[in-house]
């Protein structure tokens, strides 16, 4: 258990960097206003994800769950 406690902060740092990168990669096609919630095209947020975009979306969800679990584990 002591080894998990000593390595957990490094795992959280790696997960945080991956999560930030995955989130930022999803906004590559949007304008700068889209990153802050505003955009010219309202319907652009409601489209079907396909291919790499769908895989990146699923990866983001998985990494976010792992990050949350590691944060809860560090509290125990």
PDB file of N, CA and C in Angstrom:
ATOM      1  N   UNK A   1       0.832  -1.203   0.000  1.00  0.00           N
ATOM      2  CA  UNK A   1       0.000   0.000   0.000  1.00  0.00           C
ATOM      3  C   UNK A   1       0.866   1.251   0.000  1.00  0.00           C
ATOM      4  N   UNK A   2       2.042   1.141   0.640  1.00  0.00           N
ATOM      5  CA  UNK A   2       2.914   2.302   0.709  1.00  0.00           C
ATOM      6  C   UNK A   2       3.474   2.685  -0.657  1.00  0.00           C
ATOM      7  N   UNK A   3       3.689   1.695  -1.516  1.00  0.00           N
ATOM      8  CA  UNK A   3       4.203   2.011  -2.850  1.00  0.00           C
ATOM      9  C   UNK A   3       3.149   2.713  -3.698  1.00  0.00           C
ATOM     10  N   UNK A   4       1.875   2.348  -3.512  1.00  0.00           N
ATOM     11  CA  UNK A   4       0.801   3.015  -4.250  1.00  0.00           C
ATOM     12  C   UNK A   4       0.693   4.476  -3.822  1.00  0.00           C
ATOM     13  N   UNK A   5       0.833   4.718  -2.539  1.00  0.00           N
ATOM     14  CA  UNK A   5       0.744   6.087  -2.029  1.00  0.00           C
ATOM     15  C   UNK A   5       1.903   6.933  -2.551  1.00  0.00           C
ATOM     16  N   UNK A   6       3.075   6.323  -2.705  1.00  0.00           N
ATOM     17  CA  UNK A   6       4.222   7.099  -3.173  1.00  0.00           C
ATOM     18  C   UNK A   6       4.176   7.353  -4.682  1.00  0.00           C
ATOM     19  N   UNK A   7       3.538   6.475  -5.450  1.00  0.00           N
ATOM     20  CA  UNK A   7       3.488   6.632  -6.905  1.00  0.00           C
ATOM     21  C   UNK A   7       2.215   7.349  -7.378  1.00  0.00           C
ATOM     22  N   UNK A   8       1.215   7.471  -6.527  1.00  0.00           N
ATOM     23  CA  UNK A   8      -0.072   8.062  -6.903  1.00  0.00           C
ATOM     24  C   UNK A   8       0.022   9.506  -7.395  1.00  0.00           C
ATOM     25  N   UNK A   9       0.823  10.366  -6.793  1.00  0.00           N
ATOM     26  CA  UNK A   9       0.911  11.740  -7.337  1.00  0.00           C
ATOM     27  C   UNK A   9       1.443  11.790  -8.770  1.00  0.00           C
ATOM     28  N   UNK A  10       2.364  10.913  -9.105  1.00  0.00           N
ATOM     29  CA  UNK A  10       2.893  10.871 -10.468  1.00  0.00           C
ATOM     30  C   UNK A  10       1.843  10.370 -11.445  1.00  0.00           C
ATOM     31  N   UNK A  11       1.056   9.412 -11.023  1.00  0.00           N
ATOM     32  CA  UNK A  11      -0.039   8.912 -11.856  1.00  0.00           C
ATOM     33  C   UNK A  11      -1.051  10.025 -12.108  1.00  0.00           C
ATOM     34  N   UNK A  12      -1.359  10.803 -11.078  1.00  0.00           N
ATOM     35  CA  UNK A  12      -2.313  11.900 -11.231  1.00  0.00           C
ATOM     36  C   UNK A  12      -1.781  12.981 -12.172  1.00  0.00           C
ATOM     37  N   UNK A  13      -0.489  13.252 -12.117  1.00  0.00           N
ATOM     38  CA  UNK A  13       0.097  14.257 -13.005  1.00  0.00           C
ATOM     39  C   UNK A  13       0.000  13.800 -14.452  1.00  0.00           C
ATOM     40  N   UNK A  14       0.333  12.534 -14.694  1.00  0.00           N
ATOM     41  CA  UNK A  14       0.269  11.995 -16.056  1.00  0.00           C
ATOM     42  C   UNK A  14      -1.175  12.001 -16.561  1.00  0.00           C
ATOM     43  N   UNK A  15      -2.114  11.573 -15.728  1.00  0.00           N
ATOM     44  CA  UNK A  15      -3.523  11.571 -16.126  1.00  0.00           C
ATOM     45  C   UNK A  15      -4.032  12.986 -16.391  1.00  0.00           C
ATOM     46  N   UNK A  16      -3.594  13.946 -15.586  1.00  0.00           N
ATOM     47  CA  UNK A  16      -4.023  15.337 -15.778  1.00  0.00           C
ATOM     48  C   UNK A  16      -3.511  15.892 -17.103  1.00  0.00           C
ATOM     49  N   UNK A  17      -2.266  15.588 -17.443  1.00  0.00           N
ATOM     50  CA  UNK A  17      -1.704  16.071 -18.708  1.00  0.00           C
ATOM     51  C   UNK A  17      -2.428  15.430 -19.894  1.00  0.00           C
ATOM     52  N   UNK A  18      -2.692  14.122 -19.809  1.00  0.00           N
ATOM     53  CA  UNK A  18      -3.413  13.434 -20.881  1.00  0.00           C
ATOM     54  C   UNK A  18      -4.824  13.993 -21.020  1.00  0.00           C
ATOM     55  N   UNK A  19      -5.480  14.257 -19.891  1.00  0.00           N
ATOM     56  CA  UNK A  19      -6.841  14.784 -19.918  1.00  0.00           C
ATOM     57  C   UNK A  19      -6.894  16.176 -20.538  1.00  0.00           C
ATOM     58  N   UNK A  20      -5.965  17.031 -20.177  1.00  0.00           N
ATOM     59  CA  UNK A  20      -5.927  18.381 -20.750  1.00  0.00           C
ATOM     60  C   UNK A  20      -5.663  18.309 -22.254  1.00  0.00           C
ATOM     61  N   UNK A  21      -4.730  17.458 -22.660  1.00  0.00           N
ATOM     62  CA  UNK A  21      -4.428  17.320 -24.087  1.00  0.00           C
ATOM     63  C   UNK A  21      -5.631  16.784 -24.856  1.00  0.00           C
ATOM     64  N   UNK A  22      -6.321  15.801 -24.285  1.00  0.00           N
ATOM     65  CA  UNK A  22      -7.490  15.227 -24.964  1.00  0.00           C
ATOM     66  C   UNK A  22      -8.606  16.254 -25.099  1.00  0.00           C
ATOM     67  N   UNK A  23      -8.798  17.066 -24.091  1.00  0.00           N
ATOM     68  CA  UNK A  23      -9.835  18.101 -24.158  1.00  0.00           C
ATOM     69  C   UNK A  23      -9.469  19.170 -25.180  1.00  0.00           C
ATOM     70  N   UNK A  24      -8.210  19.581 -25.199  1.00  0.00           N
ATOM     71  CA  UNK A  24      -7.799  20.608 -26.147  1.00  0.00           C
ATOM     72  C   UNK A  24      -7.806  20.101 -27.585  1.00  0.00           C
ATOM     73  N   UNK A  25      -7.537  18.836 -27.795  1.00  0.00           N
ATOM     74  CA  UNK A  25      -7.567  18.277 -29.148  1.00  0.00           C
ATOM     75  C   UNK A  25      -8.979  18.246 -29.722  1.00  0.00           C
ATOM     76  N   UNK A  26      -9.976  18.216 -28.872  1.00  0.00           N
ATOM     77  CA  UNK A  26     -11.354  18.193 -29.350  1.00  0.00           C
ATOM     78  C   UNK A  26     -11.785  19.554 -29.877  1.00  0.00           C
ATOM     79  N   UNK A  27     -11.088  20.614 -29.566  1.00  0.00           N
ATOM     80  CA  UNK A  27     -11.459  21.958 -29.982  1.00  0.00           C
ATOM     81  C   UNK A  27     -10.606  22.482 -31.122  1.00  0.00           C
ATOM     82  N   UNK A  28      -9.919  21.606 -31.855  1.00  0.00           N
ATOM     83  CA  UNK A  28      -9.026  22.099 -32.904  1.00  0.00           C
ATOM     84  C   UNK A  28      -9.773  22.732 -34.064  1.00  0.00           C
ATOM     85  N   UNK A  29     -10.961  22.258 -34.399  1.00  0.00           N
ATOM     86  CA  UNK A  29     -11.703  22.804 -35.517  1.00  0.00           C
ATOM     87  C   UNK A  29     -12.536  24.019 -35.163  1.00  0.00           C
ATOM     88  N   UNK A  30     -12.640  24.349 -33.909  1.00  0.00           N
ATOM     89  CA  UNK A  30     -13.495  25.456 -33.486  1.00  0.00           C
ATOM     90  C   UNK A  30     -12.719  26.774 -33.493  1.00  0.00           C
ATOM     91  N   UNK A  31     -13.454  27.854 -33.492  1.00  0.00           N
ATOM     92  CA  UNK A  31     -12.828  29.161 -33.387  1.00  0.00           C
ATOM     93  C   UNK A  31     -12.463  29.403 -31.934  1.00  0.00           C
ATOM     94  N   UNK A  32     -11.748  30.464 -31.674  1.00  0.00           N
ATOM     95  CA  UNK A  32     -11.300  30.751 -30.311  1.00  0.00           C
ATOM     96  C   UNK A  32     -12.476  30.993 -29.372  1.00  0.00           C
ATOM     97  N   UNK A  33     -13.564  31.537 -29.882  1.00  0.00           N
ATOM     98  CA  UNK A  33     -14.740  31.765 -29.051  1.00  0.00           C
ATOM     99  C   UNK A  33     -15.412  30.470 -28.644  1.00  0.00           C
ATOM    100  N   UNK A  34     -15.237  29.416 -29.433  1.00  0.00           N
ATOM    101  CA  UNK A  34     -15.824  28.128 -29.108  1.00  0.00           C
ATOM    102  C   UNK A  34     -15.209  27.505 -27.873  1.00  0.00           C
ATOM    103  N   UNK A  35     -13.959  27.834 -27.579  1.00  0.00           N
ATOM    104  CA  UNK A  35     -13.300  27.300 -26.393  1.00  0.00           C
ATOM    105  C   UNK A  35     -13.893  27.900 -25.119  1.00  0.00           C
ATOM    106  N   UNK A  36     -14.490  29.076 -25.232  1.00  0.00           N
ATOM    107  CA  UNK A  36     -15.060  29.736 -24.070  1.00  0.00           C
ATOM    108  C   UNK A  36     -16.578  29.696 -24.050  1.00  0.00           C
ATOM    109  N   UNK A  37     -17.166  28.875 -24.878  1.00  0.00           N
ATOM    110  CA  UNK A  37     -18.605  28.683 -24.846  1.00  0.00           C
ATOM    111  C   UNK A  37     -19.385  29.424 -25.895  1.00  0.00           C
ATOM    112  N   UNK A  38     -18.775  30.330 -26.597  1.00  0.00           N
ATOM    113  CA  UNK A  38     -19.500  31.066 -27.626  1.00  0.00           C
ATOM    114  C   UNK A  38     -19.061  30.636 -29.002  1.00  0.00           C
ATOM    115  N   UNK A  39     -19.990  30.606 -29.921  1.00  0.00           N
ATOM    116  CA  UNK A  39     -19.617  30.315 -31.306  1.00  0.00           C
ATOM    117  C   UNK A  39     -20.668  30.899 -32.238  1.00  0.00           C
ATOM    118  N   UNK A  40     -20.278  31.025 -33.492  1.00  0.00           N
ATOM    119  CA  UNK A  40     -21.199  31.578 -34.479  1.00  0.00           C
ATOM    120  C   UNK A  40     -22.240  30.565 -34.913  1.00  0.00           C
ATOM    121  N   UNK A  41     -21.887  29.306 -34.917  1.00  0.00           N
ATOM    122  CA  UNK A  41     -22.772  28.262 -35.397  1.00  0.00           C
ATOM    123  C   UNK A  41     -23.281  27.455 -34.207  1.00  0.00           C
ATOM    124  N   UNK A  42     -24.520  27.653 -33.825  1.00  0.00           N
ATOM    125  CA  UNK A  42     -25.073  26.998 -32.640  1.00  0.00           C
ATOM    126  C   UNK A  42     -25.176  25.496 -32.817  1.00  0.00           C
ATOM    127  N   UNK A  43     -25.491  25.039 -34.023  1.00  0.00           N
ATOM    128  CA  UNK A  43     -25.715  23.619 -34.248  1.00  0.00           C
ATOM    129  C   UNK A  43     -24.428  22.822 -34.382  1.00  0.00           C
ATOM    130  N   UNK A  44     -23.273  23.459 -34.304  1.00  0.00           N
ATOM    131  CA  UNK A  44     -22.019  22.731 -34.461  1.00  0.00           C
ATOM    132  C   UNK A  44     -21.750  21.805 -33.281  1.00  0.00           C
ATOM    133  N   UNK A  45     -22.353  22.041 -32.142  1.00  0.00           N
ATOM    134  CA  UNK A  45     -22.133  21.179 -30.982  1.00  0.00           C
ATOM    135  C   UNK A  45     -22.987  19.918 -31.049  1.00  0.00           C
ATOM    136  N   UNK A  46     -23.984  19.908 -31.906  1.00  0.00           N
ATOM    137  CA  UNK A  46     -24.890  18.769 -31.992  1.00  0.00           C
ATOM    138  C   UNK A  46     -24.664  18.025 -33.306  1.00  0.00           C
ATOM    139  N   UNK A  47     -23.636  17.214 -33.329  1.00  0.00           N
ATOM    140  CA  UNK A  47     -23.365  16.412 -34.513  1.00  0.00           C
ATOM    141  C   UNK A  47     -22.884  15.022 -34.090  1.00  0.00           C
ATOM    142  N   UNK A  48     -22.921  14.094 -35.000  1.00  0.00           N
ATOM    143  CA  UNK A  48     -22.519  12.728 -34.715  1.00  0.00           C
ATOM    144  C   UNK A  48     -21.005  12.622 -34.800  1.00  0.00           C
ATOM    145  N   UNK A  49     -20.419  12.044 -33.752  1.00  0.00           N
ATOM    146  CA  UNK A  49     -18.976  11.835 -33.760  1.00  0.00           C
ATOM    147  C   UNK A  49     -18.667  10.544 -34.501  1.00  0.00           C
ATOM    148  N   UNK A  50     -17.648  10.595 -35.334  1.00  0.00           N
ATOM    149  CA  UNK A  50     -17.250   9.423 -36.108  1.00  0.00           C
ATOM    150  C   UNK A  50     -15.733   9.328 -36.129  1.00  0.00           C
ATOM    151  N   UNK A  51     -15.239   8.112 -36.256  1.00  0.00           N
ATOM    152  CA  UNK A  51     -13.817   7.877 -36.447  1.00  0.00           C
ATOM    153  C   UNK A  51     -12.975   8.310 -35.265  1.00  0.00           C
ATOM    154  N   UNK A  52     -11.916   9.064 -35.576  1.00  0.00           N
ATOM    155  CA  UNK A  52     -10.973   9.492 -34.546  1.00  0.00           C
ATOM    156  C   UNK A  52     -11.629  10.393 -33.510  1.00  0.00           C
ATOM    157  N   UNK A  53     -12.572  11.204 -33.944  1.00  0.00           N
ATOM    158  CA  UNK A  53     -13.257  12.108 -33.011  1.00  0.00           C
ATOM    159  C   UNK A  53     -14.018  11.322 -31.941  1.00  0.00           C
ATOM    160  N   UNK A  54     -14.645  10.225 -32.331  1.00  0.00           N
ATOM    161  CA  UNK A  54     -15.376   9.394 -31.384  1.00  0.00           C
ATOM    162  C   UNK A  54     -14.409   8.685 -30.435  1.00  0.00           C
ATOM    163  N   UNK A  55     -13.301   8.185 -30.972  1.00  0.00           N
ATOM    164  CA  UNK A  55     -12.311   7.516 -30.128  1.00  0.00           C
ATOM    165  C   UNK A  55     -11.698   8.486 -29.133  1.00  0.00           C
ATOM    166  N   UNK A  56     -11.441   9.712 -29.565  1.00  0.00           N
ATOM    167  CA  UNK A  56     -10.891  10.733 -28.669  1.00  0.00           C
ATOM    168  C   UNK A  56     -11.901  11.098 -27.586  1.00  0.00           C
ATOM    169  N   UNK A  57     -13.168  11.158 -27.946  1.00  0.00           N
ATOM    170  CA  UNK A  57     -14.226  11.458 -26.978  1.00  0.00           C
ATOM    171  C   UNK A  57     -14.309  10.365 -25.913  1.00  0.00           C
ATOM    172  N   UNK A  58     -14.266   9.109 -26.341  1.00  0.00           N
ATOM    173  CA  UNK A  58     -14.324   7.988 -25.397  1.00  0.00           C
ATOM    174  C   UNK A  58     -13.072   7.953 -24.522  1.00  0.00           C
ATOM    175  N   UNK A  59     -11.901   8.218 -25.131  1.00  0.00           N
ATOM    176  CA  UNK A  59     -10.652   8.265 -24.364  1.00  0.00           C
ATOM    177  C   UNK A  59     -10.709   9.353 -23.297  1.00  0.00           C
ATOM    178  N   UNK A  60     -11.288  10.501 -23.633  1.00  0.00           N
ATOM    179  CA  UNK A  60     -11.408  11.605 -22.676  1.00  0.00           C
ATOM    180  C   UNK A  60     -12.273  11.195 -21.486  1.00  0.00           C
ATOM    181  N   UNK A  61     -13.361  10.502 -21.757  1.00  0.00           N
ATOM    182  CA  UNK A  61     -14.237  10.048 -20.673  1.00  0.00           C
ATOM    183  C   UNK A  61     -13.510   9.050 -19.779  1.00  0.00           C
ATOM    184  N   UNK A  62     -12.802   8.107 -20.381  1.00  0.00           N
ATOM    185  CA  UNK A  62     -12.087   7.085 -19.610  1.00  0.00           C
ATOM    186  C   UNK A  62     -10.997   7.719 -18.747  1.00  0.00           C
ATOM    187  N   UNK A  63     -10.232   8.637 -19.317  1.00  0.00           N
ATOM    188  CA  UNK A  63      -9.163   9.298 -18.561  1.00  0.00           C
ATOM    189  C   UNK A  63      -9.742  10.153 -17.442  1.00  0.00           C
ATOM    190  N   UNK A  64     -10.872  10.807 -17.687  1.00  0.00           N
ATOM    191  CA  UNK A  64     -11.508  11.611 -16.641  1.00  0.00           C
ATOM    192  C   UNK A  64     -11.975  10.734 -15.487  1.00  0.00           C
ATOM    193  N   UNK A  65     -12.524   9.571 -15.799  1.00  0.00           N
ATOM    194  CA  UNK A  65     -12.956   8.639 -14.747  1.00  0.00           C
ATOM    195  C   UNK A  65     -11.755   8.131 -13.961  1.00  0.00           C
ATOM    196  N   UNK A  66     -10.681   7.762 -14.661  1.00  0.00           N
ATOM    197  CA  UNK A  66      -9.469   7.298 -13.975  1.00  0.00           C
ATOM    198  C   UNK A  66      -8.879   8.388 -13.089  1.00  0.00           C
ATOM    199  N   UNK A  67      -8.899   9.634 -13.573  1.00  0.00           N
ATOM    200  CA  UNK A  67      -8.383  10.746 -12.776  1.00  0.00           C
ATOM    201  C   UNK A  67      -9.227  10.955 -11.516  1.00  0.00           C
ATOM    202  N   UNK A  68     -10.547  10.876 -11.665  1.00  0.00           N
ATOM    203  CA  UNK A  68     -11.423  11.037 -10.503  1.00  0.00           C
ATOM    204  C   UNK A  68     -11.212   9.907  -9.503  1.00  0.00           C
ATOM    205  N   UNK A  69     -11.070   8.691  -9.990  1.00  0.00           N
ATOM    206  CA  UNK A  69     -10.822   7.564  -9.092  1.00  0.00           C
ATOM    207  C   UNK A  69      -9.490   7.681  -8.379  1.00  0.00           C
ATOM    208  N   UNK A  70      -8.462   8.156  -9.082  1.00  0.00           N
ATOM    209  CA  UNK A  70      -7.163   8.335  -8.429  1.00  0.00           C
ATOM    210  C   UNK A  70      -7.214   9.449  -7.387  1.00  0.00           C
ATOM    211  N   UNK A  71      -8.010  10.490  -7.649  1.00  0.00           N
ATOM    212  CA  UNK A  71      -8.166  11.554  -6.662  1.00  0.00           C
ATOM    213  C   UNK A  71      -8.897  11.055  -5.418  1.00  0.00           C
ATOM    214  N   UNK A  72      -9.935  10.232  -5.639  1.00  0.00           N
ATOM    215  CA  UNK A  72     -10.632   9.653  -4.482  1.00  0.00           C
ATOM    216  C   UNK A  72      -9.733   8.675  -3.719  1.00  0.00           C
ATOM    217  N   UNK A  73      -8.910   7.928  -4.433  1.00  0.00           N
ATOM    218  CA  UNK A  73      -7.994   6.994  -3.794  1.00  0.00           C
ATOM    219  C   UNK A  73      -6.963   7.713  -2.963  1.00  0.00           C
ATOM    220  N   UNK A  74      -6.545   8.898  -3.400  1.00  0.00           N
ATOM    221  CA  UNK A  74      -5.548   9.650  -2.633  1.00  0.00           C
ATOM    222  C   UNK A  74      -6.129  10.220  -1.337  1.00  0.00           C
ATOM    223  N   UNK A  75      -7.441  10.342  -1.267  1.00  0.00           N
ATOM    224  CA  UNK A  75      -8.072  10.836  -0.032  1.00  0.00           C
ATOM    225  C   UNK A  75      -8.116   9.775   1.053  1.00  0.00           C
ATOM    226  N   UNK A  76      -8.116   8.503   0.626  1.00  0.00           N
ATOM    227  CA  UNK A  76      -8.227   7.384   1.583  1.00  0.00           C
ATOM    228  C   UNK A  76      -6.920   7.085   2.218  1.00  0.00           C
TER     229      UNK A  76
END
